[in-house]
Amino acid sequence: MSNPDARADEPSYRNANRTPYVAYATPTLTLRALNNLLAPLTIGLERRADATMDRIVARAERETGESPEGHAQLIEDFRLILRAWARQDGASTIGWKSVVDQVQGRVINRFRIARAIAEHPEIEDEPIDDPIVVTGLPRTATTLAHNLLSNPEGNRAPLLWEMLQTPPPGTDEAGLRARIKSTERYVANFEKAVPALPNIHKMGAMLPEECVFIMSFHTFMWTLTGHMPELREWFAKRDYTEDYRYLKRTLQVLQHGQERKRWVLKSPCHLWSLPALIKTFPDARVIWTHRDPITVMASYCSLAEGTWSVYLRKFDRSSLGRMCLDVLTEGIEAARAARTMIPARNLLDVGYSHLAGDAMVQVPRLFHHLGLEWDEREFQHLEYRMSRPDQSRRHEYSLGSYGLTPFEVEAAFGDYVRRVETLPAIPDTVLPAPPFTVEWQTLRGARRR
């Protein structure tokens, strides 16, 4: 099935039960050599963190005209992140520059959003109704679901460039093109540093992307830049309400003056913060995708290895594997605990084997569940998505490469593994699947006994 908007780098989901082969996301020799050569420049990074943050704030104020007053907590939170990152053993010069650039871009965008709303207060009246939010562990077909659900003409997903450099009302065509070009350079530079990374997660300025690029503070994102236990503890205690308010404001700015469509969001990060998501978007329809955690863990470790290799000069693979396991199990535990406060109609569990393996039956049911029309256009789009040729794979990943065994992973995830294995397909009645709550587990266990 041809598609004029097709990208040759999109993966196939036709064989849903096969563990994908993914190239180890190792950096180029040039990058490693450069990081080692520039190692002396990392001396005293922590002492420079505060001055670096002060320069970022000053630049954001110059570029946007927004005063730092009213953003004190935001600035202190980013200051904490810079300090924590700079304390890492083996931090690389290129990694530090990348982190500083990320913080700078996010602060500028925050100031830009605040300035846009101050100049156009009617933006906050923009309704963000009934958004669809796809979440789940990495490699659980969240990208497939995101692409399918954002395809209907009445839906839209935020594009990468829109999240990194949100255009305020009145931005001219030249300004829009400049923002897109800047984002394209950002993607190209990262893929040049880690050539295998697109095999794991392909990015593009004009592609739908995860809303973690809007949400500045999230453990899922920052753990991909290094091992920072104290920062993870800080995130674990964080109230994400303000982060979701900023997400909503960003969507309102993007929507202002444009045709109103139904937003389709996606990120694994929502697993850690479902209460704040529902508090901000009470009518959100959450699609939670599930897959065998052993397959998920191996792929996530490979992704983390690729990104750590940019940010750090040295690290232990086993430590990386242990951190990845802790992070993902924490996400699942948080989501299972939080889902009890979500109305049943607002959350649907979808298994990878059903969504990717029985898509022609399950996807129309998913559309029906969300109140979306299933027509010939959507059928052709699904057929196209399911027919993409497999990407070339040069190496296989394995849990053993990261000091983990299938037994350890199963033990860490507990009964979640069995719940995934027995997850029913989306029924004809389009009722939500049985919830993964503690109460439900206890009831099921009692019945089996």
Foldseek 3Di string as FASTA:
>chain_A
DDDPPDDQLAFFLQPVPDQDFAAQQFFDPVLLVVQVVCVVVLPPQLVCLVVLLVVLQVVLCVVAVFDCVVVVVVSVVLSVVSNLLSPDPQFTPLLNVVSSVLSSLLSSQLSNLVSLCVVVVCLVVDDQAAAEEEAEFAPLCSVVVLVLVQPPPQEHADFQLCQRHPDAPPQDPVRVVVSQVVVQVVQVVLCNGGVRLVLRPNHHRGDHDANVSNQVQFPVVCVLQDDRVVSVVVRLPDQCLVSVVSVVSSVSRVPPPHDHGHYYHYDNRCLQHVVSNCVSHVNYAYEYGDDQVQSSLQSVLSSSNNSNNNGGSDDALQVSSVVSLVVNLNSNVNNQAPCVPRPQLRYAYAYSCCCSVVVVPQVVLVCVSSVHDDDPVSVVVSVVNNPNHHDDHDGGTHSVSRVDDPVVSCVSNDCVNVCNVPFDGQDPVNGHTDGSYPVVVVVVVVVVD
